[in-house]
Amino acid sequence: MRPAKEILTRYAVLLLGAAILSFGLFNVHSQSGVTEGGVLGTTLLLHHWFGISPGVSEFVIDVICYALGFRFLGKAFFKYAIAASAGFACFYMLWERVGPVLPDLSGQPLIAALLGGVFVGVGVGLVVRAGGASGGDDVLALLLNKFTKLTLSKSYFMTDAIVLALSLTYIPAGRIVFSFITVTLSSFLIERIQRIGAPCAAAEQGA
């Protein structure tokens, strides 16, 4: 049985990560056209073609993916992952109501790619560090990391590549280059943050 203070700290880290992630996705990625990979990129794809809010599609896709990962990542992981997803959905809808607060970076894709990569990397990194997941792609990446020899960063990059290829249906090939920059940076930061001290590492999920 974990101390109440540790549990509260985990949830606080989860929500902080969800807030940072959703802020970057709304204020940088959605406004600049530099997409993300994985489920995050899928939500932007759905938003572009069908007008579905990422706050809604993210939650629905996550539930499906978490159902698949529940068996292998444990009950504790599932609990923290659902909390992170719900937090992301709520924060994203909050940012939608507030409106963009950062300058429009659509004309500066390299800056958007780097800044977006930092927001995603730090946000997801904090969520994973706390033992949860911010999206279904996190589940897939964690499973790849657990059952293969791939590092966490390489696992994230592989899951991102497929969505980036699909994103070519609405984003020019030249801009996808910047998307690869952002997913490379975010994958690197996720693994680095998750490894720092590892007090809440994903290895403890089944505890």
Protein backbone atom coordinates (compact mmCIF):
# COMPACT_ATOMS: atom_id res chain seq x y z
CA MET A 1 0.00 0.00 0.00
CA ARG A 2 1.55 3.28 -1.10
CA PRO A 3 1.56 6.31 1.26
CA ALA A 4 -1.15 8.86 0.52
CA LYS A 5 1.49 11.55 -0.05
CA GLU A 6 3.18 9.51 -2.78
CA ILE A 7 -0.13 8.80 -4.50
CA LEU A 8 -1.09 12.49 -4.43
CA THR A 9 2.33 13.41 -5.80
CA ARG A 10 1.89 10.97 -8.67
CA TYR A 11 -1.48 12.46 -9.57
CA ALA A 12 -0.08 15.98 -9.33
CA VAL A 13 2.74 15.07 -11.73
CA LEU A 14 0.25 13.39 -14.06
CA LEU A 15 -1.97 16.47 -14.19
CA LEU A 16 0.99 18.81 -14.63
CA GLY A 17 2.20 16.71 -17.55
CA ALA A 18 -1.30 16.64 -19.08
CA ALA A 19 -1.57 20.42 -18.75
CA ILE A 20 1.81 21.03 -20.42
CA LEU A 21 1.09 18.53 -23.18
CA SER A 22 -2.37 19.87 -24.03
CA PHE A 23 -1.12 23.47 -23.91
CA GLY A 24 1.60 22.73 -26.44
CA LEU A 25 -0.66 20.67 -28.67
CA PHE A 26 -3.28 23.43 -28.84
CA ASN A 27 -1.06 26.52 -28.90
CA VAL A 28 1.76 25.21 -31.10
CA HIS A 29 0.82 22.12 -33.10
CA SER A 30 -2.79 22.96 -33.93
CA GLN A 31 -2.00 26.58 -34.80
CA SER A 32 1.20 26.00 -36.80
CA GLY A 33 0.28 22.89 -38.79
CA VAL A 34 3.29 20.96 -37.47
CA THR A 35 1.72 17.67 -36.49
CA GLU A 36 2.73 15.06 -33.92
CA GLY A 37 2.85 11.32 -34.42
CA GLY A 38 0.99 8.54 -32.64
CA VAL A 39 -2.44 9.19 -31.16
CA LEU A 40 -1.66 12.89 -30.76
CA GLY A 41 -1.10 13.18 -34.48
CA THR A 42 -4.21 11.10 -35.10
CA THR A 43 -6.32 13.57 -33.11
CA LEU A 44 -5.01 16.42 -35.28
CA LEU A 45 -5.75 14.36 -38.38
CA LEU A 46 -9.34 13.78 -37.22
CA HIS A 47 -9.69 17.43 -36.29
CA HIS A 48 -8.58 18.52 -39.75
CA TRP A 49 -10.77 16.15 -41.78
CA PHE A 50 -13.82 15.76 -39.53
CA GLY A 51 -13.73 18.72 -37.11
CA ILE A 52 -13.61 16.41 -34.08
CA SER A 53 -12.08 18.10 -31.03
CA PRO A 54 -8.79 16.46 -29.97
CA GLY A 55 -10.11 16.67 -26.41
CA VAL A 56 -12.82 14.18 -27.39
CA SER A 57 -11.02 11.95 -29.89
CA GLU A 58 -7.97 11.63 -27.62
CA PHE A 59 -10.09 10.25 -24.80
CA VAL A 60 -12.00 7.77 -27.00
CA ILE A 61 -8.88 6.41 -28.71
CA ASP A 62 -7.08 6.15 -25.39
CA VAL A 63 -9.84 4.05 -23.84
CA ILE A 64 -9.58 1.57 -26.72
CA CYS A 65 -5.78 1.37 -26.49
CA TYR A 66 -5.78 1.09 -22.71
CA ALA A 67 -8.18 -1.83 -22.91
CA LEU A 68 -5.57 -3.60 -25.07
CA GLY A 69 -2.68 -2.71 -22.75
CA PHE A 70 -4.46 -3.43 -19.47
CA ARG A 71 -3.39 -7.07 -19.39
CA PHE A 72 0.32 -6.35 -19.81
CA LEU A 73 0.82 -3.06 -17.97
CA GLY A 74 -1.23 -3.76 -14.85
CA LYS A 75 -4.09 -2.21 -12.91
CA ALA A 76 -2.01 0.58 -11.39
CA PHE A 77 -0.89 1.74 -14.83
CA PHE A 78 -4.46 1.65 -16.11
CA LYS A 79 -5.65 3.82 -13.21
CA TYR A 80 -2.96 6.46 -13.71
CA ALA A 81 -3.36 6.38 -17.49
CA ILE A 82 -7.09 7.06 -17.33
CA ALA A 83 -6.46 9.96 -14.94
CA ALA A 84 -3.88 11.43 -17.33
CA SER A 85 -6.21 11.07 -20.32
CA ALA A 86 -9.12 12.67 -18.50
CA GLY A 87 -6.80 15.47 -17.40
CA PHE A 88 -5.62 16.00 -20.99
CA ALA A 89 -9.20 16.17 -22.28
CA CYS A 90 -10.24 18.70 -19.64
CA PHE A 91 -7.17 20.89 -20.09
CA TYR A 92 -7.44 20.84 -23.88
CA MET A 93 -11.05 21.97 -23.76
CA LEU A 94 -9.97 24.69 -21.32
CA TRP A 95 -7.31 25.95 -23.77
CA GLU A 96 -9.94 25.91 -26.53
CA ARG A 97 -12.16 28.19 -24.46
CA VAL A 98 -9.25 30.50 -23.57
CA GLY A 99 -7.97 30.65 -27.13
CA PRO A 100 -4.36 30.81 -28.43
CA VAL A 101 -1.98 32.63 -26.10
CA LEU A 102 1.25 32.14 -28.07
CA PRO A 103 2.22 33.96 -31.29
CA ASP A 104 1.25 32.28 -34.57
CA LEU A 105 4.26 30.19 -35.56
CA SER A 106 2.84 28.88 -38.84
CA GLY A 107 5.37 30.99 -40.73
CA GLN A 108 8.26 29.69 -38.60
CA PRO A 109 7.91 25.89 -38.77
CA LEU A 110 11.36 25.13 -37.36
CA ILE A 111 10.66 27.14 -34.20
CA ALA A 112 7.22 25.55 -33.98
CA ALA A 113 8.74 22.08 -34.35
CA LEU A 114 11.32 22.67 -31.63
CA LEU A 115 8.93 24.38 -29.20
CA GLY A 116 6.23 21.80 -29.85
CA GLY A 117 8.71 18.99 -29.28
CA VAL A 118 9.66 20.47 -25.91
CA PHE A 119 6.03 20.77 -24.77
CA VAL A 120 5.20 17.22 -25.85
CA GLY A 121 8.44 15.74 -24.55
CA VAL A 122 8.18 17.36 -21.12
CA GLY A 123 4.43 16.76 -20.82
CA VAL A 124 4.48 13.11 -21.82
CA GLY A 125 7.74 12.56 -19.95
CA LEU A 126 6.16 13.70 -16.68
CA VAL A 127 3.11 11.50 -17.23
CA VAL A 128 5.21 8.41 -18.01
CA ARG A 129 7.52 9.19 -15.09
CA ALA A 130 4.49 9.12 -12.79
CA GLY A 131 3.58 5.66 -14.05
CA GLY A 132 0.83 6.56 -16.48
CA ALA A 133 0.32 7.38 -20.13
CA SER A 134 -1.03 10.44 -21.88
CA GLY A 135 -2.30 8.57 -24.92
CA GLY A 136 -2.69 5.26 -26.64
CA ASP A 137 0.63 5.70 -28.41
CA ASP A 138 2.28 5.79 -24.99
CA VAL A 139 0.75 2.38 -24.28
CA LEU A 140 2.09 0.99 -27.55
CA ALA A 141 5.53 2.51 -26.97
CA LEU A 142 5.70 1.16 -23.42
CA LEU A 143 4.70 -2.31 -24.64
CA LEU A 144 7.37 -2.21 -27.34
CA ASN A 145 9.90 -1.09 -24.74
CA LYS A 146 8.86 -3.86 -22.37
CA PHE A 147 8.81 -6.77 -24.79
CA THR A 148 11.54 -5.83 -27.28
CA LYS A 149 15.08 -4.52 -27.15
CA LEU A 150 13.99 -1.10 -28.37
CA THR A 151 14.67 1.85 -26.11
CA LEU A 152 11.71 3.98 -25.06
CA SER A 153 12.71 6.79 -27.41
CA LYS A 154 12.97 4.41 -30.40
CA SER A 155 9.62 2.85 -29.50
CA TYR A 156 7.96 6.27 -29.52
CA PHE A 157 9.59 7.18 -32.81
CA MET A 158 8.33 4.00 -34.50
CA THR A 159 4.72 4.58 -33.41
CA ASP A 160 4.95 8.19 -34.60
CA ALA A 161 6.23 7.39 -38.09
CA ILE A 162 3.02 5.69 -39.25
CA VAL A 163 0.82 8.66 -38.35
CA LEU A 164 3.24 11.10 -39.92
CA ALA A 165 2.94 9.16 -43.17
CA LEU A 166 -0.88 9.45 -42.98
CA SER A 167 -0.54 13.14 -42.24
CA LEU A 168 0.79 13.61 -45.77
CA THR A 169 -2.89 13.61 -46.81
CA TYR A 170 -3.26 17.16 -45.50
CA ILE A 171 0.22 18.44 -44.71
CA PRO A 172 2.79 19.17 -47.48
CA ALA A 173 5.77 16.83 -47.54
CA GLY A 174 8.08 19.74 -46.78
CA ARG A 175 6.33 20.40 -43.48
CA ILE A 176 6.43 16.73 -42.48
CA VAL A 177 10.19 17.19 -42.19
CA PHE A 178 9.52 19.56 -39.30
CA SER A 179 7.16 17.02 -37.78
CA PHE A 180 9.98 14.48 -37.76
CA ILE A 181 12.08 17.07 -35.94
CA THR A 182 9.43 17.53 -33.26
CA VAL A 183 8.85 13.78 -32.74
CA THR A 184 12.58 13.12 -32.57
CA LEU A 185 13.04 15.82 -29.93
CA SER A 186 9.95 14.79 -27.95
CA SER A 187 10.97 11.10 -28.00
CA PHE A 188 14.41 12.02 -26.66
CA LEU A 189 12.97 14.21 -23.88
CA ILE A 190 10.37 11.62 -22.85
CA GLU A 191 13.02 8.99 -22.22
CA ARG A 192 15.37 11.42 -20.45
CA ILE A 193 12.67 12.71 -18.09
CA GLN A 194 11.35 9.21 -17.42
CA ARG A 195 14.86 8.04 -16.47
CA ILE A 196 15.77 10.86 -14.05
CA GLY A 197 16.05 9.11 -10.70
CA ALA A 198 13.22 6.80 -11.86
CA PRO A 199 11.24 7.11 -8.60
CA CYS A 200 7.97 6.56 -10.47
CA ALA A 201 9.25 4.45 -13.31
CA ALA A 202 6.90 2.46 -15.47
CA ALA A 203 8.54 -0.68 -14.11
CA GLU A 204 6.58 -0.08 -10.90
CA GLN A 205 3.22 -0.07 -12.67
CA GLY A 206 2.24 -3.51 -11.52
CA ALA A 207 2.99 -2.70 -7.89
